[in-house]
Amino acid sequence: MRHTKVKDLLNSTTTLQEINAKGWVRTFRNNQFIALNDGSTINNIQCVVDFENTPDETLKRITTGAAVSVTGNLVESKGAGQKYEIQVNKLEILGDSDAEKFPMQPKKHSLEFLRENAHLRVRTNAFGAIMRVRSVLSFAVHSYFQQKGFVYVNTPIVTGADAEGAGEMFQVTSLPLDNLPKTEEGNIDYKKDFFGKHTNLTVSGQLEGETFAMALGQIYTFGPTFRAENSNTSRHLAEFWMIEPEVAFNDLNDNMDLAEDFIKYVVKYAVDNCSDDLKFLEGRLIEEEKSKPQAERSEMPLLEKLGFVMNNDFKRVSYTEAVDILRDSTPNKKKKFQYIINEWGADLQSEHERYLVEKHFKCPVILFDYPANIKAFYMRLNEDGKTVRAMDILFPGIGEIVGGSQREERFDVLVEKMKALGIDEEELWWYLDTRRFGSAVHSGFGLGFERLVLFVTGMTNIRDVIPFPRTPQNAEF
């Protein structure tokens, strides 16, 4: 018999005869009541076992975490909390279950404990909800760009280009590390490596994406990226997913419009399609915050915060104006910031970004026109010669969630910037070709997908919104 999803059974409009459901036992009470979940919904369905006619050996094997198949009738529930339950006529235990060793017992576990059991943590209500929301957000990304006529481009994971210029990349090699081939000068001979050159895992698909935007008009990438940055914080991962659109003929204002519209769309899509999961996560967040000092609690419940983003325009502020605000702020004057803002040109930190969003403007903020010396080489230089057409979108609780810019389309200016930063023109000859042949104004941005999931789910640690987090000293599973 084909089994029916728990979600569909709970949403049924009528009682049903002879149905089958399969899933995992969340709880088993009084030798009679199974709370069954198959991952299709945050909600369990109650299965009422005929314990008088069920062998004791079978009852003993119905433990938390056990996979079971139940066949019976969907009837109106006699208890409160759900409309239907299953009166079980036949119960089958699928596979083995060691009740004493199963880590995910029906009690509150710390997030750190759950990270150590990432292969099982998705069986908890919280992580089931997070991963369903992540899945829906992923679909929403593609839905938005496909509806807008963007072309989905798969940029390479292995690359010889450092898009960010920071050098914090994971090297890819097939050379024997215990016997590296050397040149006559004593350097590593990368010509004998698999790709015949020094290669790394990508930090961004932007540069390759630009080449496609110069032919297809508007494209987007959505794939894994890697940073060898030794940042063991709640906001950083070594492996994460990036959403990167690139659009020909768009200037910085067009870019800001696109980013804001995109974010509002995907957040609304999640709210519309993950209502049960988001309500659960909101309740979880409220309970967690009861133990925090009042000053550290969120000013809005999760769903209200998401609605605030969807229904309000993002405040657009120049970097110069932002620095003036920060320099004159109370936490700066009283030296409460870890990084004091004294002068124009400072690289803003998360504490500054969150102050602007959460305390000063109290709404999402788009900062633009940053100092050229703290931004990447490919950003368009403004007429003042000291700022570039960059933009960052800042969110409450997150800080920067989007980084983008109008790209430098002028060949001569781009070459001069590369020379000043010591970037090898020969390594990026193909990128420079896009400025030699048919160059045009174009813009794009990058959105770290995990930071988006972090915001929408209300979680506070980025390791909790990706299935298997990769961080310094941690590549388990």
Protein backbone atom coordinates (compact mmCIF):
# COMPACT_ATOMS: atom_id res chain seq x y z
CA MET A 1 0.00 0.00 0.00
CA ARG A 2 1.29 3.47 -0.90
CA HIS A 3 1.80 5.58 2.21
CA THR A 4 0.34 9.07 2.66
CA LYS A 5 2.36 11.99 4.00
CA VAL A 6 1.56 13.13 7.52
CA LYS A 7 1.06 16.68 6.22
CA ASP A 8 -1.63 15.48 3.81
CA LEU A 9 -3.37 13.42 6.48
CA LEU A 10 -3.51 16.38 8.87
CA ASN A 11 -4.86 18.58 6.07
CA SER A 12 -7.50 16.07 5.03
CA THR A 13 -11.06 17.37 4.77
CA THR A 14 -12.64 14.06 5.71
CA THR A 15 -12.02 10.84 7.61
CA LEU A 16 -10.43 8.02 5.58
CA GLN A 17 -10.45 4.22 5.60
CA GLU A 18 -7.39 2.00 5.24
CA ILE A 19 -4.58 4.50 5.00
CA ASN A 20 -0.88 3.90 5.58
CA ALA A 21 1.62 6.32 7.12
CA LYS A 22 5.35 5.90 7.64
CA GLY A 23 7.71 7.96 9.72
CA TRP A 24 9.74 8.19 12.91
CA VAL A 25 8.47 7.97 16.47
CA ARG A 26 8.82 11.25 18.33
CA THR A 27 7.20 9.99 21.52
CA PHE A 28 5.37 6.84 22.69
CA ARG A 29 3.03 7.27 25.69
CA ASN A 30 1.16 4.79 27.86
CA ASN A 31 1.97 1.89 25.54
CA GLN A 32 -0.72 3.29 23.25
CA PHE A 33 -0.07 6.75 21.74
CA ILE A 34 2.61 7.29 19.08
CA ALA A 35 3.49 10.82 17.94
CA LEU A 36 4.57 10.15 14.34
CA ASN A 37 6.50 12.54 12.10
CA ASP A 38 7.76 11.96 8.56
CA GLY A 39 9.44 15.32 7.94
CA SER A 40 6.69 16.71 5.71
CA THR A 41 5.47 19.08 8.46
CA ILE A 42 6.42 20.40 11.88
CA ASN A 43 3.28 18.72 13.23
CA ASN A 44 3.07 15.11 14.40
CA ILE A 45 0.07 12.88 13.88
CA GLN A 46 -1.16 10.81 16.81
CA CYS A 47 -1.40 7.09 16.15
CA VAL A 48 -3.50 5.08 18.61
CA VAL A 49 -2.17 1.54 18.97
CA ASP A 50 -4.42 -1.35 20.01
CA PHE A 51 -2.00 -2.35 22.78
CA GLU A 52 -4.18 -5.22 24.02
CA ASN A 53 -3.81 -7.01 20.68
CA THR A 54 -0.21 -5.96 19.95
CA PRO A 55 2.57 -8.33 21.07
CA ASP A 56 4.69 -7.08 23.99
CA GLU A 57 7.86 -7.60 21.93
CA THR A 58 6.55 -5.17 19.32
CA LEU A 59 5.51 -2.60 21.93
CA LYS A 60 8.99 -2.72 23.47
CA ARG A 61 10.54 -1.86 20.10
CA ILE A 62 8.41 1.29 19.67
CA THR A 63 11.02 3.74 20.92
CA THR A 64 11.90 7.36 20.22
CA GLY A 65 13.61 7.48 16.83
CA ALA A 66 12.25 4.16 15.59
CA ALA A 67 10.97 4.06 12.00
CA VAL A 68 7.48 2.56 11.80
CA SER A 69 4.71 1.87 9.34
CA VAL A 70 1.13 2.15 10.57
CA THR A 71 -1.98 1.08 8.71
CA GLY A 72 -5.47 1.94 9.86
CA ASN A 73 -8.26 4.49 9.66
CA LEU A 74 -8.00 8.27 9.80
CA VAL A 75 -10.63 9.29 12.35
CA GLU A 76 -11.58 12.45 14.19
CA SER A 77 -9.29 12.93 17.16
CA LYS A 78 -10.77 12.55 20.65
CA GLY A 79 -7.99 14.65 22.16
CA ALA A 80 -7.25 18.37 21.84
CA GLY A 81 -4.65 19.83 19.50
CA GLN A 82 -5.38 18.13 16.21
CA LYS A 83 -8.37 17.32 14.07
CA TYR A 84 -7.47 13.77 13.06
CA GLU A 85 -5.60 10.76 14.41
CA ILE A 86 -4.90 7.26 13.12
CA GLN A 87 -6.61 4.26 14.70
CA VAL A 88 -3.93 1.63 14.05
CA ASN A 89 -4.96 -1.80 12.78
CA LYS A 90 -1.46 -2.93 11.78
CA LEU A 91 1.91 -1.74 13.04
CA GLU A 92 5.31 -2.66 11.62
CA ILE A 93 8.74 -1.68 12.97
CA LEU A 94 11.06 -0.77 10.09
CA GLY A 95 14.70 -1.56 10.86
CA ASP A 96 16.43 -1.45 14.23
CA SER A 97 16.28 1.18 16.95
CA ASP A 98 18.48 1.36 20.03
CA ALA A 99 16.42 3.40 22.48
CA GLU A 100 19.18 3.64 25.08
CA LYS A 101 21.76 5.07 22.65
CA PHE A 102 19.59 7.31 20.46
CA PRO A 103 20.81 10.88 21.23
CA MET A 104 17.67 12.79 20.21
CA GLN A 105 15.49 12.05 23.22
CA PRO A 106 12.24 14.05 23.67
CA LYS A 107 13.80 16.79 25.79
CA LYS A 108 15.53 20.13 25.27
CA HIS A 109 19.05 19.78 23.90
CA SER A 110 21.65 22.53 23.67
CA LEU A 111 22.48 23.80 20.18
CA GLU A 112 26.12 22.84 20.76
CA PHE A 113 25.10 19.25 21.52
CA LEU A 114 22.97 19.19 18.38
CA ARG A 115 25.88 20.49 16.26
CA GLU A 116 27.93 17.56 17.52
CA ASN A 117 25.14 15.29 16.24
CA ALA A 118 24.46 17.10 12.97
CA HIS A 119 23.59 13.81 11.27
CA LEU A 120 20.62 13.39 13.63
CA ARG A 121 19.70 16.93 14.66
CA VAL A 122 17.32 17.37 11.73
CA ARG A 123 15.00 14.92 13.51
CA THR A 124 14.27 17.59 16.11
CA ASN A 125 11.39 20.02 15.59
CA ALA A 126 13.67 23.06 15.39
CA PHE A 127 16.05 21.71 12.77
CA GLY A 128 13.29 20.10 10.74
CA ALA A 129 11.65 23.53 10.58
CA ILE A 130 14.91 25.31 9.72
CA MET A 131 15.73 22.94 6.87
CA ARG A 132 12.23 23.12 5.39
CA VAL A 133 12.45 26.92 5.45
CA ARG A 134 15.91 26.72 3.85
CA SER A 135 14.50 24.51 1.08
CA VAL A 136 11.61 26.90 0.39
CA LEU A 137 13.95 29.91 0.34
CA SER A 138 16.18 28.10 -2.14
CA PHE A 139 13.22 27.51 -4.44
CA ALA A 140 12.16 31.15 -4.03
CA VAL A 141 15.59 32.32 -5.24
CA HIS A 142 15.19 30.44 -8.51
CA SER A 143 11.53 31.41 -8.78
CA TYR A 144 12.30 35.13 -8.52
CA PHE A 145 15.08 35.21 -11.10
CA GLN A 146 13.35 32.87 -13.53
CA GLN A 147 10.21 35.02 -13.43
CA LYS A 148 12.37 38.07 -14.18
CA GLY A 149 13.99 36.40 -17.21
CA PHE A 150 17.43 35.81 -15.67
CA VAL A 151 19.60 32.97 -16.98
CA TYR A 152 20.95 30.55 -14.36
CA VAL A 153 24.70 30.10 -14.85
CA ASN A 154 26.84 27.46 -13.11
CA THR A 155 30.18 29.12 -12.47
CA PRO A 156 33.24 26.95 -11.64
CA ILE A 157 34.09 25.79 -8.14
CA VAL A 158 37.78 25.34 -9.02
CA THR A 159 39.37 28.59 -10.18
CA GLY A 160 42.68 30.37 -10.66
CA ALA A 161 41.14 33.78 -9.91
CA ASP A 162 40.76 35.44 -6.51
CA ALA A 163 37.63 37.55 -6.92
CA GLU A 164 37.97 39.27 -3.56
CA GLY A 165 41.72 39.83 -3.69
CA ALA A 166 42.08 38.79 -0.04
CA GLY A 167 44.05 35.61 -0.72
CA GLU A 168 42.04 33.61 1.82
CA MET A 169 41.36 30.64 -0.45
CA PHE A 170 41.57 26.87 -0.17
CA GLN A 171 44.21 25.51 -2.52
CA VAL A 172 43.32 22.63 -4.85
CA THR A 173 46.16 20.31 -5.80
CA SER A 174 46.90 16.71 -6.77
CA LEU A 175 50.63 17.13 -6.13
CA PRO A 176 52.19 14.79 -3.52
CA LEU A 177 52.55 16.99 -0.45
CA ASP A 178 55.45 14.93 0.88
CA ASN A 179 57.45 15.30 -2.34
CA LEU A 180 56.49 18.52 -4.12
CA PRO A 181 58.05 19.06 -7.56
CA LYS A 182 60.22 22.18 -7.71
CA THR A 183 61.38 24.53 -10.45
CA GLU A 184 65.04 25.39 -10.96
CA GLU A 185 64.43 28.44 -8.77
CA GLY A 186 63.19 26.22 -5.94
CA ASN A 187 59.51 27.16 -6.21
CA ILE A 188 56.65 24.67 -6.43
CA ASP A 189 56.24 23.60 -10.06
CA TYR A 190 52.50 23.99 -10.59
CA LYS A 191 52.89 23.06 -14.26
CA LYS A 192 53.04 19.48 -13.02
CA ASP A 193 49.80 19.86 -11.05
CA PHE A 194 46.46 18.51 -12.33
CA PHE A 195 45.36 21.81 -13.90
CA GLY A 196 48.87 22.92 -14.84
CA LYS A 197 48.62 26.01 -12.65
CA HIS A 198 47.94 27.18 -9.10
CA THR A 199 44.21 26.72 -8.42
CA ASN A 200 41.81 27.23 -5.50
CA LEU A 201 38.23 26.70 -4.45
CA THR A 202 36.18 29.71 -5.49
CA VAL A 203 35.25 32.54 -3.14
CA SER A 204 32.75 33.92 -5.66
CA GLY A 205 31.31 33.25 -9.08
CA GLN A 206 31.11 36.98 -9.83
CA LEU A 207 33.99 37.40 -12.29
CA GLU A 208 32.85 34.48 -14.44
CA GLY A 209 29.25 35.66 -14.05
CA GLU A 210 30.14 39.07 -15.49
CA THR A 211 31.35 37.44 -18.71
CA PHE A 212 27.93 35.83 -19.17
CA ALA A 213 26.06 39.03 -18.32
CA MET A 214 27.95 40.68 -21.18
CA ALA A 215 26.26 38.24 -23.56
CA LEU A 216 22.99 37.19 -21.94
CA GLY A 217 22.06 40.50 -20.30
CA GLN A 218 20.99 39.27 -16.88
CA ILE A 219 22.25 36.15 -15.15
CA TYR A 220 22.50 34.70 -11.67
CA THR A 221 24.61 32.09 -9.95
CA PHE A 222 23.62 30.10 -6.88
CA GLY A 223 26.21 27.68 -5.60
CA PRO A 224 28.80 26.81 -2.96
CA THR A 225 31.73 29.12 -2.20
CA PHE A 226 34.67 28.74 0.15
CA ARG A 227 36.71 31.06 2.37
CA ALA A 228 39.86 29.99 4.24
CA GLU A 229 39.33 32.83 6.69
CA ASN A 230 40.12 31.68 10.22
CA SER A 231 36.99 33.28 11.71
CA ASN A 232 35.46 31.09 14.39
CA THR A 233 32.37 33.24 14.92
CA SER A 234 28.61 32.84 14.85
CA ARG A 235 28.49 34.67 11.47
CA HIS A 236 31.17 32.85 9.43
CA LEU A 237 31.45 29.53 7.63
CA ALA A 238 34.29 28.10 5.56
CA GLU A 239 31.80 26.61 3.07
CA PHE A 240 28.59 28.46 2.27
CA TRP A 241 26.23 29.20 -0.60
CA MET A 242 26.14 32.46 -2.55
CA ILE A 243 23.46 34.04 -4.70
CA GLU A 244 25.06 36.36 -7.27
CA PRO A 245 23.13 38.16 -10.01
CA GLU A 246 24.94 40.22 -12.65
CA VAL A 247 23.01 42.59 -14.91
CA ALA A 248 24.21 44.42 -18.01
CA PHE A 249 23.22 48.11 -18.32
CA ASN A 250 22.27 48.38 -14.61
CA ASP A 251 23.86 51.19 -12.59
CA LEU A 252 24.15 51.29 -8.79
CA ASN A 253 20.61 52.60 -8.28
CA ASP A 254 19.22 49.79 -10.43
CA ASN A 255 21.32 47.36 -8.41
CA MET A 256 19.90 48.61 -5.11
CA ASP A 257 16.37 48.38 -6.52
CA LEU A 258 16.96 44.78 -7.64
CA ALA A 259 18.47 43.67 -4.34
CA GLU A 260 15.67 45.18 -2.26
CA ASP A 261 12.94 43.74 -4.48
CA PHE A 262 14.61 40.32 -4.47
CA ILE A 263 14.95 40.16 -0.68
CA LYS A 264 11.34 41.21 -0.14
CA TYR A 265 10.16 38.56 -2.59
CA VAL A 266 12.02 35.62 -1.03
CA VAL A 267 11.10 36.65 2.53
CA LYS A 268 7.42 36.92 1.56
CA TYR A 269 7.60 33.56 -0.22
CA ALA A 270 8.89 31.93 2.97
CA VAL A 271 6.23 33.61 5.11
CA ASP A 272 3.49 32.50 2.71
CA ASN A 273 4.72 28.91 2.39
CA CYS A 274 6.26 28.08 5.79
CA SER A 275 3.66 29.43 8.20
CA ASP A 276 3.67 26.44 10.60
CA ASP A 277 7.46 26.24 10.73
CA LEU A 278 7.91 29.99 11.23
CA LYS A 279 5.27 30.09 13.97
CA PHE A 280 7.13 27.29 15.74
CA LEU A 281 10.49 29.05 15.35
CA GLU A 282 8.96 32.31 16.59
CA GLY A 283 7.67 30.54 19.71
CA ARG A 284 11.05 28.92 20.25
CA LEU A 285 12.77 32.30 19.99
CA ILE A 286 10.36 33.88 22.49
CA GLU A 287 11.06 31.11 25.00
CA GLU A 288 14.83 31.43 24.50
CA GLU A 289 14.78 35.18 25.02
CA LYS A 290 13.02 34.93 28.38
CA SER A 291 16.37 33.98 29.88
CA LYS A 292 18.17 36.98 28.32
CA PRO A 293 18.53 40.45 29.83
CA GLN A 294 15.87 42.85 28.54
CA ALA A 295 18.46 44.85 26.57
CA GLU A 296 19.47 41.78 24.54
CA ARG A 297 15.96 40.72 23.56
CA SER A 298 14.58 41.27 20.07
CA GLU A 299 12.38 44.32 19.75
CA MET A 300 9.98 42.42 17.45
CA PRO A 301 8.73 38.81 17.32
CA LEU A 302 10.06 36.90 14.31
CA LEU A 303 7.00 37.17 12.04
CA GLU A 304 6.60 40.87 12.82
CA LYS A 305 10.25 41.43 11.94
CA LEU A 306 9.82 39.63 8.62
CA GLY A 307 6.71 41.67 7.90
CA PHE A 308 8.64 44.85 8.70
CA VAL A 309 11.23 43.97 6.04
CA MET A 310 8.59 43.09 3.46
CA ASN A 311 6.47 46.19 3.98
CA ASN A 312 8.99 49.01 4.44
CA ASP A 313 11.40 50.73 2.10
CA PHE A 314 15.06 50.21 2.89
CA LYS A 315 16.82 53.39 4.03
CA ARG A 316 19.57 54.43 1.59
CA VAL A 317 22.50 56.20 3.23
CA SER A 318 25.95 57.14 1.91
CA TYR A 319 29.00 55.82 3.71
CA THR A 320 30.00 59.41 4.51
CA GLU A 321 26.66 60.13 6.20
CA ALA A 322 26.87 56.83 8.10
CA VAL A 323 30.33 57.67 9.44
CA ASP A 324 29.09 61.04 10.64
CA ILE A 325 26.19 59.34 12.46
CA LEU A 326 28.47 56.75 14.05
CA ARG A 327 31.13 59.28 15.05
CA ASP A 328 28.51 61.35 16.88
CA SER A 329 26.71 58.36 18.43
CA THR A 330 26.58 57.76 22.17
CA PRO A 331 28.32 54.35 22.11
CA ASN A 332 31.17 55.85 20.08
CA LYS A 333 31.58 58.89 22.34
CA LYS A 334 31.43 56.70 25.46
CA LYS A 335 33.83 54.19 23.85
CA LYS A 336 31.28 51.37 24.07
CA PHE A 337 32.13 50.28 20.52
CA GLN A 338 34.97 47.80 20.33
CA TYR A 339 36.18 49.65 17.22
CA ILE A 340 35.96 53.42 17.74
CA ILE A 341 35.07 55.52 14.68
CA ASN A 342 37.43 58.50 14.60
CA GLU A 343 37.72 59.41 10.94
CA TRP A 344 36.38 58.91 7.45
CA GLY A 345 37.77 55.81 5.76
CA ALA A 346 37.26 53.34 8.60
CA ASP A 347 36.09 49.86 7.62
CA LEU A 348 32.73 49.44 9.36
CA GLN A 349 32.35 46.46 11.67
CA SER A 350 29.28 44.41 12.55
CA GLU A 351 28.69 46.48 15.70
CA HIS A 352 28.52 49.66 13.61
CA GLU A 353 26.23 48.12 11.01
CA ARG A 354 23.84 46.81 13.65
CA TYR A 355 23.79 50.19 15.43
CA LEU A 356 22.70 51.91 12.22
CA VAL A 357 19.96 49.35 11.58
CA GLU A 358 18.72 48.55 15.08
CA LYS A 359 19.23 51.78 16.98
CA HIS A 360 19.47 54.74 14.62
CA PHE A 361 17.26 54.07 11.58
CA LYS A 362 15.35 51.07 12.96
CA CYS A 363 14.88 49.58 9.50
CA PRO A 364 17.03 47.78 6.89
CA VAL A 365 19.73 50.10 5.55
CA ILE A 366 21.58 50.26 2.22
CA LEU A 367 24.98 51.94 2.54
CA PHE A 368 26.62 53.12 -0.68
CA ASP A 369 29.68 54.97 -2.04
CA TYR A 370 32.37 53.42 0.15
CA PRO A 371 36.06 54.47 0.27
CA ALA A 372 37.89 52.84 -2.63
CA ASN A 373 40.75 51.56 -0.46
CA ILE A 374 38.50 49.24 1.59
CA LYS A 375 36.65 47.72 -1.36
CA ALA A 376 37.49 45.30 -4.17
CA PHE A 377 39.34 46.25 -7.36
CA TYR A 378 36.37 45.63 -9.68
CA MET A 379 34.12 48.33 -8.19
CA ARG A 380 33.55 51.47 -10.28
CA LEU A 381 35.54 54.49 -9.18
CA ASN A 382 33.47 57.63 -8.58
CA GLU A 383 34.37 61.01 -10.04
CA ASP A 384 35.78 62.12 -6.66
CA GLY A 385 38.57 59.57 -7.11
CA LYS A 386 38.28 58.32 -3.55
CA THR A 387 34.99 56.42 -3.38
CA VAL A 388 33.52 53.55 -5.39
CA ARG A 389 29.97 52.66 -6.43
CA ALA A 390 29.65 49.96 -3.80
CA MET A 391 26.62 49.05 -1.72
CA ASP A 392 25.95 46.89 1.34
CA ILE A 393 22.53 45.96 2.70
CA LEU A 394 22.39 45.79 6.49
CA PHE A 395 19.78 43.82 8.46
CA PRO A 396 18.85 43.72 12.16
CA GLY A 397 20.63 40.98 14.07
CA ILE A 398 22.79 40.13 11.06
CA GLY A 399 24.66 43.22 9.92
CA GLU A 400 25.73 42.93 6.29
CA ILE A 401 23.56 40.50 4.33
CA VAL A 402 24.27 41.76 0.78
CA GLY A 403 27.39 43.23 -0.77
CA GLY A 404 27.43 44.58 -4.32
CA SER A 405 28.51 47.30 -6.67
CA GLN A 406 28.42 48.87 -10.06
CA ARG A 407 31.37 47.23 -11.80
CA GLU A 408 34.28 49.17 -13.29
CA GLU A 409 33.54 48.98 -17.02
CA ARG A 410 36.39 51.29 -18.13
CA PHE A 411 39.37 49.26 -19.31
CA ASP A 412 42.07 51.82 -18.48
CA VAL A 413 40.73 52.54 -15.01
CA LEU A 414 40.40 48.84 -14.20
CA VAL A 415 43.99 48.13 -15.32
CA GLU A 416 45.31 50.98 -13.18
CA LYS A 417 43.43 49.68 -10.13
CA MET A 418 44.78 46.17 -10.70
CA LYS A 419 48.34 47.49 -10.98
CA ALA A 420 47.97 49.49 -7.77
CA LEU A 421 46.84 46.36 -5.92
CA GLY A 422 49.44 44.07 -7.48
CA ILE A 423 46.89 41.93 -9.31
CA ASP A 424 48.43 40.04 -12.23
CA GLU A 425 46.85 41.13 -15.53
CA GLU A 426 47.91 37.88 -17.20
CA GLU A 427 45.93 35.85 -14.66
CA LEU A 428 42.78 37.82 -15.44
CA TRP A 429 43.30 38.41 -19.17
CA TRP A 430 39.89 36.93 -19.91
CA TYR A 431 38.20 39.27 -17.41
CA LEU A 432 39.90 42.27 -19.00
CA ASP A 433 38.63 41.09 -22.40
CA THR A 434 35.08 41.93 -21.27
CA ARG A 435 36.26 45.56 -21.03
CA ARG A 436 38.07 45.41 -24.37
CA PHE A 437 35.13 44.08 -26.36
CA GLY A 438 31.65 45.58 -25.99
CA SER A 439 32.05 46.94 -22.48
CA ALA A 440 28.98 48.49 -20.86
CA VAL A 441 27.76 49.71 -17.49
CA HIS A 442 26.80 46.69 -15.40
CA SER A 443 26.19 45.81 -11.76
CA GLY A 444 25.66 42.91 -9.43
CA PHE A 445 25.63 41.76 -5.84
CA GLY A 446 26.27 38.75 -3.66
CA LEU A 447 23.95 37.49 -0.93
CA GLY A 448 25.19 34.83 1.47
CA PHE A 449 22.35 32.34 1.48
CA GLU A 450 23.00 31.17 5.05
CA ARG A 451 22.73 34.74 6.34
CA LEU A 452 19.35 35.00 4.64
CA VAL A 453 18.22 31.73 6.25
CA LEU A 454 19.60 32.97 9.59
CA PHE A 455 17.46 36.10 9.37
CA VAL A 456 14.26 34.37 8.24
CA THR A 457 14.43 31.61 10.87
CA GLY A 458 15.49 33.88 13.74
CA MET A 459 18.48 31.69 14.59
CA THR A 460 21.59 33.38 15.96
CA ASN A 461 24.40 31.06 14.86
CA ILE A 462 25.08 30.47 11.17
CA ARG A 463 26.18 26.89 11.92
CA ASP A 464 22.55 26.07 12.67
CA VAL A 465 21.13 26.94 9.24
CA ILE A 466 23.32 24.72 7.02
CA PRO A 467 23.07 20.92 7.12
CA PHE A 468 26.73 20.19 7.87
CA PRO A 469 28.71 23.29 8.89
CA ARG A 470 32.35 23.62 7.86
CA THR A 471 34.32 25.84 10.22
CA PRO A 472 37.94 26.03 11.45
CA GLN A 473 38.97 22.66 12.93
CA ASN A 474 35.60 21.14 12.03
CA ALA A 475 34.84 19.02 8.96
CA GLU A 476 32.93 16.19 10.63
CA PHE A 477 30.25 14.16 8.82
